[in-house]
N, C-alpha and C. Protein backbone atom coordinates (compact mmCIF):
# COMPACT_ATOMS: atom_id res chain seq x y z
N MET A 1 121.57 102.17 135.26
CA MET A 1 123.37 102.52 135.00
C MET A 1 123.41 103.75 136.16
N LYS A 2 124.53 103.28 136.85
CA LYS A 2 125.70 105.03 137.56
C LYS A 2 126.21 105.09 136.41
N THR A 3 126.39 106.31 137.23
CA THR A 3 127.36 107.39 136.18
C THR A 3 128.90 107.45 137.25
N LEU A 4 129.67 107.74 136.43
CA LEU A 4 131.23 107.57 137.16
C LEU A 4 131.87 109.20 136.91
N SER A 5 132.91 109.25 137.51
CA SER A 5 133.42 110.54 136.84
C SER A 5 134.88 110.14 136.51
N LYS A 6 135.04 110.79 135.74
CA LYS A 6 136.85 110.82 135.06
C LYS A 6 137.09 112.69 134.30
N TYR A 7 138.47 112.32 134.34
CA TYR A 7 138.86 114.06 133.72
C TYR A 7 139.59 113.72 132.26
N TYR A 8 139.15 113.90 131.76
CA TYR A 8 140.18 114.24 130.34
C TYR A 8 140.73 115.58 130.20
N VAL A 9 141.66 115.58 129.71
CA VAL A 9 142.77 116.53 129.50
C VAL A 9 142.31 116.79 128.43
N THR A 10 142.45 118.40 127.62
CA THR A 10 142.31 118.89 126.48
C THR A 10 143.11 118.50 125.79
N ASP A 11 144.50 118.93 125.88
CA ASP A 11 145.35 119.32 125.43
C ASP A 11 146.48 117.35 125.65
N THR A 12 146.28 116.78 124.81
CA THR A 12 147.49 115.08 124.84
C THR A 12 148.62 115.79 125.05
N GLY A 13 148.68 117.09 124.25
CA GLY A 13 150.31 117.05 124.52
C GLY A 13 151.00 117.34 126.36
N ILE A 14 149.89 118.15 126.57
CA ILE A 14 150.37 118.74 128.12
C ILE A 14 149.64 117.49 129.01
N ARG A 15 149.14 116.59 127.92
CA ARG A 15 148.85 114.89 129.57
C ARG A 15 150.64 114.23 129.61
N ASN A 16 151.07 114.78 128.12
CA ASN A 16 151.99 113.68 127.87
C ASN A 16 153.49 113.95 128.66
N ALA A 17 153.35 115.60 128.70
CA ALA A 17 154.46 116.05 129.52
C ALA A 17 154.28 115.87 130.68
N LEU A 18 153.02 115.90 131.60
CA LEU A 18 152.93 115.82 132.61
C LEU A 18 152.94 114.30 133.13
N MET A 19 152.84 112.98 132.45
CA MET A 19 152.84 111.75 132.79
C MET A 19 153.52 110.95 132.04
N GLY A 20 154.10 111.81 130.91
CA GLY A 20 154.84 110.80 130.20
C GLY A 20 154.02 110.12 129.17
N TYR A 21 154.78 110.22 128.08
CA TYR A 21 154.04 109.36 126.90
C TYR A 21 154.27 107.98 127.25
N SER A 22 153.36 107.27 126.63
CA SER A 22 153.47 105.43 126.48
C SER A 22 152.68 105.11 125.17
N ASP A 23 153.78 103.78 124.48
CA ASP A 23 152.36 103.65 123.07
C ASP A 23 151.72 102.71 123.90
N GLY A 24 151.45 102.85 125.27
CA GLY A 24 150.38 101.85 125.80
C GLY A 24 149.35 102.39 126.43
N ASP A 25 149.45 104.05 126.42
CA ASP A 25 148.12 105.00 126.45
C ASP A 25 147.58 105.04 125.72
N LEU A 26 147.56 104.75 124.05
CA LEU A 26 147.28 105.26 123.44
C LEU A 26 145.19 105.14 123.17
N GLY A 27 144.87 103.71 123.53
CA GLY A 27 143.47 103.89 123.74
C GLY A 27 143.22 104.62 124.57
N LYS A 28 144.17 105.15 125.54
CA LYS A 28 143.57 106.36 126.57
C LYS A 28 142.94 107.42 125.78
N VAL A 29 143.96 107.68 124.91
CA VAL A 29 144.21 108.83 124.23
C VAL A 29 142.89 109.20 122.95
N LEU A 30 142.95 108.11 122.58
CA LEU A 30 141.35 107.57 121.85
C LEU A 30 140.12 107.82 122.54
N GLU A 31 140.14 107.99 123.37
CA GLU A 31 138.92 107.76 124.13
C GLU A 31 138.93 109.43 124.78
N THR A 32 139.78 110.08 125.00
CA THR A 32 139.99 111.41 124.98
C THR A 32 139.62 111.64 123.97
N VAL A 33 139.52 111.56 122.61
CA VAL A 33 139.23 111.86 121.35
C VAL A 33 137.94 112.36 121.11
N VAL A 34 137.66 110.96 121.35
CA VAL A 34 135.93 110.64 120.94
C VAL A 34 135.23 111.36 122.17
N TYR A 35 135.62 111.65 123.28
CA TYR A 35 134.76 112.45 124.20
C TYR A 35 134.74 113.57 124.11
N PHE A 36 135.75 114.19 123.57
CA PHE A 36 135.73 115.88 122.67
C PHE A 36 134.49 116.20 121.66
N GLU A 37 135.04 114.42 120.95
CA GLU A 37 133.98 114.96 119.77
C GLU A 37 132.53 114.90 120.22
N LEU A 38 132.38 113.86 120.58
CA LEU A 38 130.80 113.93 121.74
C LEU A 38 130.22 115.28 121.87
N LEU A 39 130.97 116.14 122.70
CA LEU A 39 130.99 117.52 123.33
C LEU A 39 130.81 118.33 121.92
N ARG A 40 131.74 118.11 121.03
CA ARG A 40 131.66 119.18 119.82
C ARG A 40 130.27 119.08 119.11
N ARG A 41 129.86 117.90 119.15
CA ARG A 41 128.40 117.22 118.56
C ARG A 41 127.04 117.76 119.35
N GLY A 42 127.61 118.58 120.20
CA GLY A 42 126.12 118.71 121.16
C GLY A 42 125.82 117.69 121.85
N PHE A 43 126.55 116.87 122.65
CA PHE A 43 125.75 115.83 123.34
C PHE A 43 126.46 115.77 124.95
N GLN A 44 125.48 115.73 125.65
CA GLN A 44 126.16 115.29 127.04
C GLN A 44 126.69 114.36 127.45
N VAL A 45 127.94 114.44 127.86
CA VAL A 45 128.55 112.89 128.03
C VAL A 45 128.66 112.17 129.43
N PHE A 46 128.34 110.60 129.47
CA PHE A 46 128.32 110.51 130.77
C PHE A 46 129.52 108.99 130.87
N ILE A 47 130.05 108.91 131.95
CA ILE A 47 130.69 107.75 132.17
C ILE A 47 129.74 107.31 133.00
N GLY A 48 129.90 105.54 132.53
CA GLY A 48 128.65 104.47 133.06
C GLY A 48 129.13 103.51 133.60
N LYS A 49 128.46 102.92 134.44
CA LYS A 49 129.03 101.93 134.98
C LYS A 49 127.64 100.77 134.54
N TRP A 50 127.97 99.63 134.40
CA TRP A 50 126.77 98.54 134.29
C TRP A 50 127.38 97.41 135.13
N TYR A 51 126.62 97.16 136.48
CA TYR A 51 127.55 96.28 137.21
C TYR A 51 128.99 96.32 137.40
N ASP A 52 129.48 95.29 137.13
CA ASP A 52 130.93 95.27 137.24
C ASP A 52 131.45 96.31 136.09
N SER A 53 131.02 96.39 134.75
CA SER A 53 131.53 96.92 133.28
C SER A 53 131.65 98.54 133.70
N GLU A 54 132.23 98.88 132.92
CA GLU A 54 132.31 100.16 132.55
C GLU A 54 131.64 100.37 131.00
N VAL A 55 130.97 101.25 131.33
CA VAL A 55 130.32 101.77 129.70
C VAL A 55 131.42 103.39 129.27
N ASP A 56 132.02 103.21 128.54
CA ASP A 56 132.96 104.39 128.41
C ASP A 56 132.06 105.57 128.12
N PHE A 57 131.38 106.09 127.79
CA PHE A 57 130.25 106.81 127.06
C PHE A 57 129.11 106.51 127.13
N LEU A 58 127.78 107.71 127.82
CA LEU A 58 126.77 107.60 127.57
C LEU A 58 126.24 109.08 126.68
N ALA A 59 126.11 108.98 125.45
CA ALA A 59 126.19 110.33 124.83
C ALA A 59 124.72 110.73 125.22
N ILE A 60 123.80 111.83 125.65
CA ILE A 60 122.74 112.00 125.06
C ILE A 60 122.54 113.48 124.95
N ARG A 61 121.63 113.67 124.05
CA ARG A 61 121.59 115.02 123.28
C ARG A 61 119.83 114.75 122.70
N GLN A 62 118.91 115.81 123.36
CA GLN A 62 117.70 115.81 123.27
C GLN A 62 116.56 114.22 123.42
N ASP A 63 116.24 113.85 122.55
CA ASP A 63 115.64 112.78 122.74
C ASP A 63 116.72 111.18 122.18
N THR A 64 117.89 111.78 121.91
CA THR A 64 119.09 110.66 121.02
C THR A 64 119.89 110.07 122.67
N ARG A 65 120.13 108.64 122.72
CA ARG A 65 121.09 108.26 123.09
C ARG A 65 121.96 107.31 122.59
N LYS A 66 123.21 107.47 122.60
CA LYS A 66 124.08 106.41 122.12
C LYS A 66 125.14 106.07 123.44
N TYR A 67 125.23 104.40 123.33
CA TYR A 67 126.36 104.09 124.08
C TYR A 67 127.64 103.37 123.05
N CYS A 68 128.63 104.04 123.90
CA CYS A 68 130.09 103.89 123.19
C CYS A 68 131.10 103.47 123.40
N GLN A 69 131.95 102.54 123.58
CA GLN A 69 132.96 101.69 123.35
C GLN A 69 134.08 102.40 122.87
N VAL A 70 135.20 102.95 123.51
CA VAL A 70 136.43 103.19 122.94
C VAL A 70 137.26 102.18 122.95
N THR A 71 138.20 101.37 121.97
CA THR A 71 139.18 100.58 122.73
C THR A 71 140.67 101.16 121.45
N LEU A 72 141.41 100.46 121.33
CA LEU A 72 142.72 100.28 120.13
C LEU A 72 142.42 99.56 119.32
N SER A 73 141.75 98.28 119.70
CA SER A 73 141.63 96.86 118.83
C SER A 73 140.72 96.26 119.34
N MET A 74 140.00 95.68 118.20
CA MET A 74 139.19 94.93 118.81
C MET A 74 139.53 92.95 118.66
N MET A 75 141.03 92.92 118.01
CA MET A 75 140.94 91.79 117.42
C MET A 75 141.67 90.91 118.66
N ASP A 76 141.89 90.90 119.77
CA ASP A 76 142.27 90.10 120.69
C ASP A 76 140.64 89.60 121.04
N GLU A 77 140.22 88.59 121.46
CA GLU A 77 138.81 87.83 122.06
C GLU A 77 138.55 88.36 123.34
N SER A 78 139.41 88.50 124.03
CA SER A 78 139.39 89.04 125.42
C SER A 78 139.27 90.27 125.47
N VAL A 79 139.55 91.13 124.58
CA VAL A 79 139.51 92.61 124.71
C VAL A 79 137.87 92.82 123.97
N LYS A 80 137.49 92.04 122.92
CA LYS A 80 136.10 92.02 122.27
C LYS A 80 135.18 91.46 123.51
N SER A 81 135.60 90.49 123.98
CA SER A 81 134.25 90.26 125.45
C SER A 81 134.04 91.27 125.65
N ARG A 82 135.26 91.63 126.29
CA ARG A 82 135.33 93.06 127.40
C ARG A 82 134.27 93.99 127.07
N GLU A 83 134.53 94.27 125.45
CA GLU A 83 134.12 95.91 125.51
C GLU A 83 132.43 95.54 124.70
N LEU A 84 132.21 93.97 124.37
CA LEU A 84 130.80 93.65 124.32
C LEU A 84 130.08 93.39 125.40
N ALA A 85 130.21 92.94 126.32
CA ALA A 85 129.75 92.65 127.67
C ALA A 85 129.07 93.85 128.18
N PRO A 86 129.48 94.96 128.48
CA PRO A 86 128.25 95.99 129.49
C PRO A 86 127.12 96.25 128.12
N LEU A 87 127.56 96.65 126.76
CA LEU A 87 126.81 96.90 125.95
C LEU A 87 125.53 95.84 125.57
N ILE A 88 125.90 94.31 125.41
CA ILE A 88 124.93 93.36 125.51
C ILE A 88 124.04 93.14 126.40
N ALA A 89 124.65 93.84 127.43
CA ALA A 89 123.51 93.82 128.75
C ALA A 89 122.57 94.53 128.93
N ILE A 90 122.99 95.87 128.37
CA ILE A 90 121.76 96.76 128.47
C ILE A 90 120.53 96.50 127.82
N ARG A 91 119.57 96.52 127.71
CA ARG A 91 118.36 95.98 127.27
C ARG A 91 117.42 97.13 126.72
N ASP A 92 118.48 98.23 125.95
CA ASP A 92 117.24 99.17 125.63
C ASP A 92 117.63 99.48 123.89
N ASN A 93 116.87 100.33 123.43
CA ASN A 93 117.24 100.47 122.44
C ASN A 93 117.72 101.38 121.70
N TYR A 94 118.89 101.81 122.36
CA TYR A 94 119.22 102.74 121.98
C TYR A 94 120.49 102.53 121.42
N GLU A 95 121.55 103.06 120.28
CA GLU A 95 122.29 102.89 119.46
C GLU A 95 123.49 102.59 120.41
N LYS A 96 124.31 101.43 119.82
CA LYS A 96 125.57 101.29 120.52
C LYS A 96 126.41 100.83 119.99
N TYR A 97 127.59 100.96 120.12
CA TYR A 97 128.92 101.80 119.13
C TYR A 97 130.09 100.66 120.00
N ILE A 98 131.08 100.38 119.02
CA ILE A 98 132.27 100.44 119.54
C ILE A 98 133.33 100.76 118.24
N LEU A 99 134.05 101.82 119.09
CA LEU A 99 134.75 102.11 118.02
C LEU A 99 136.23 101.88 118.41
N SER A 100 137.28 101.51 117.21
CA SER A 100 138.36 100.75 117.34
C SER A 100 139.08 102.02 116.19
N MET A 101 140.15 101.07 115.98
CA MET A 101 141.20 101.69 114.98
C MET A 101 141.07 100.65 113.79
N ASP A 102 140.45 99.49 114.18
CA ASP A 102 140.57 98.48 113.22
C ASP A 102 139.20 98.58 111.82
N LYS A 103 140.04 98.22 110.77
CA LYS A 103 139.44 98.60 109.63
C LYS A 103 139.02 97.24 109.30
N THR A 104 137.90 96.42 108.98
CA THR A 104 137.26 95.29 109.41
C THR A 104 135.87 94.86 108.14
N TYR A 105 135.57 93.96 107.73
CA TYR A 105 134.40 93.72 107.02
C TYR A 105 133.14 93.22 108.29
N ILE A 106 133.13 93.14 109.39
CA ILE A 106 132.71 92.71 110.45
C ILE A 106 132.19 94.49 110.76
N THR A 107 131.00 94.56 110.81
CA THR A 107 129.91 95.92 111.30
C THR A 107 129.69 95.92 112.38
N ASP A 108 129.27 94.89 113.00
CA ASP A 108 128.34 94.44 113.87
C ASP A 108 128.14 93.38 114.69
N HIS A 109 127.55 93.26 115.97
CA HIS A 109 127.56 91.91 116.94
C HIS A 109 126.22 92.21 117.43
N LYS A 110 124.97 91.39 117.43
CA LYS A 110 123.88 91.50 117.90
C LYS A 110 123.35 93.14 118.33
N GLY A 111 123.98 93.53 117.07
CA GLY A 111 123.40 95.54 116.96
C GLY A 111 124.19 96.23 117.56
N ILE A 112 125.12 95.74 117.90
CA ILE A 112 126.14 96.88 118.54
C ILE A 112 126.85 97.04 117.07
N ARG A 113 126.97 98.31 116.78
CA ARG A 113 127.81 98.81 115.27
C ARG A 113 129.41 98.70 116.41
N PHE A 114 130.29 97.71 114.85
CA PHE A 114 131.69 98.49 114.87
C PHE A 114 132.11 99.47 114.58
N GLN A 115 132.96 100.72 114.18
CA GLN A 115 133.11 101.73 113.59
C GLN A 115 134.66 102.02 113.89
N ASN A 116 135.52 102.24 112.79
CA ASN A 116 136.52 102.72 112.79
C ASN A 116 136.21 103.98 113.18
N ILE A 117 136.98 104.38 114.61
CA ILE A 117 137.55 105.69 115.05
C ILE A 117 137.64 106.72 113.86
N ILE A 118 138.31 106.82 113.19
CA ILE A 118 138.83 108.00 111.77
C ILE A 118 137.45 107.83 111.06
N ASP A 119 136.41 106.82 110.86
CA ASP A 119 135.23 106.99 110.01
C ASP A 119 134.25 107.81 110.40
N PHE A 120 134.72 107.21 112.38
CA PHE A 120 133.03 108.39 113.03
C PHE A 120 133.55 109.32 113.46
N LEU A 121 135.13 109.79 112.99
CA LEU A 121 135.39 111.60 113.42
C LEU A 121 135.07 112.33 111.94
N LEU A 122 135.49 111.71 110.68
CA LEU A 122 134.58 112.23 109.80
C LEU A 122 133.07 112.41 109.33
N SER A 123 132.48 111.38 110.30
CA SER A 123 131.44 111.37 109.84
C SER A 123 129.95 112.29 110.66
N GLU A 124 129.18 112.59 110.06
CA GLU A 124 128.33 113.77 110.94
C GLU A 124 128.51 115.28 110.73
């Protein structure tokens, strides 16, 4: 896995003032929220690339690793496939998550956990 660089603005209000607000950016805003929450929890956070796919976050703290994908919704099959593909390809036994705004009874796929972002933020 290779690491990539991305920049996250701490204050989304400033981001919206500079770049303009768009409902289409909600997924990026959620990604920013998750990024800063992982940092708050004491993780080092990296953005990864697995061949042609991006892994939103590789979070490392001591002996713990978590892979996280963040998306607004997984209800569209093409989005689901896109978000699952890099996590399925990573063949280690560390935790893998897809965080979205969806509330569903489906909690995992091949060991990859699906979690609502609000539940994630309220946990731990």
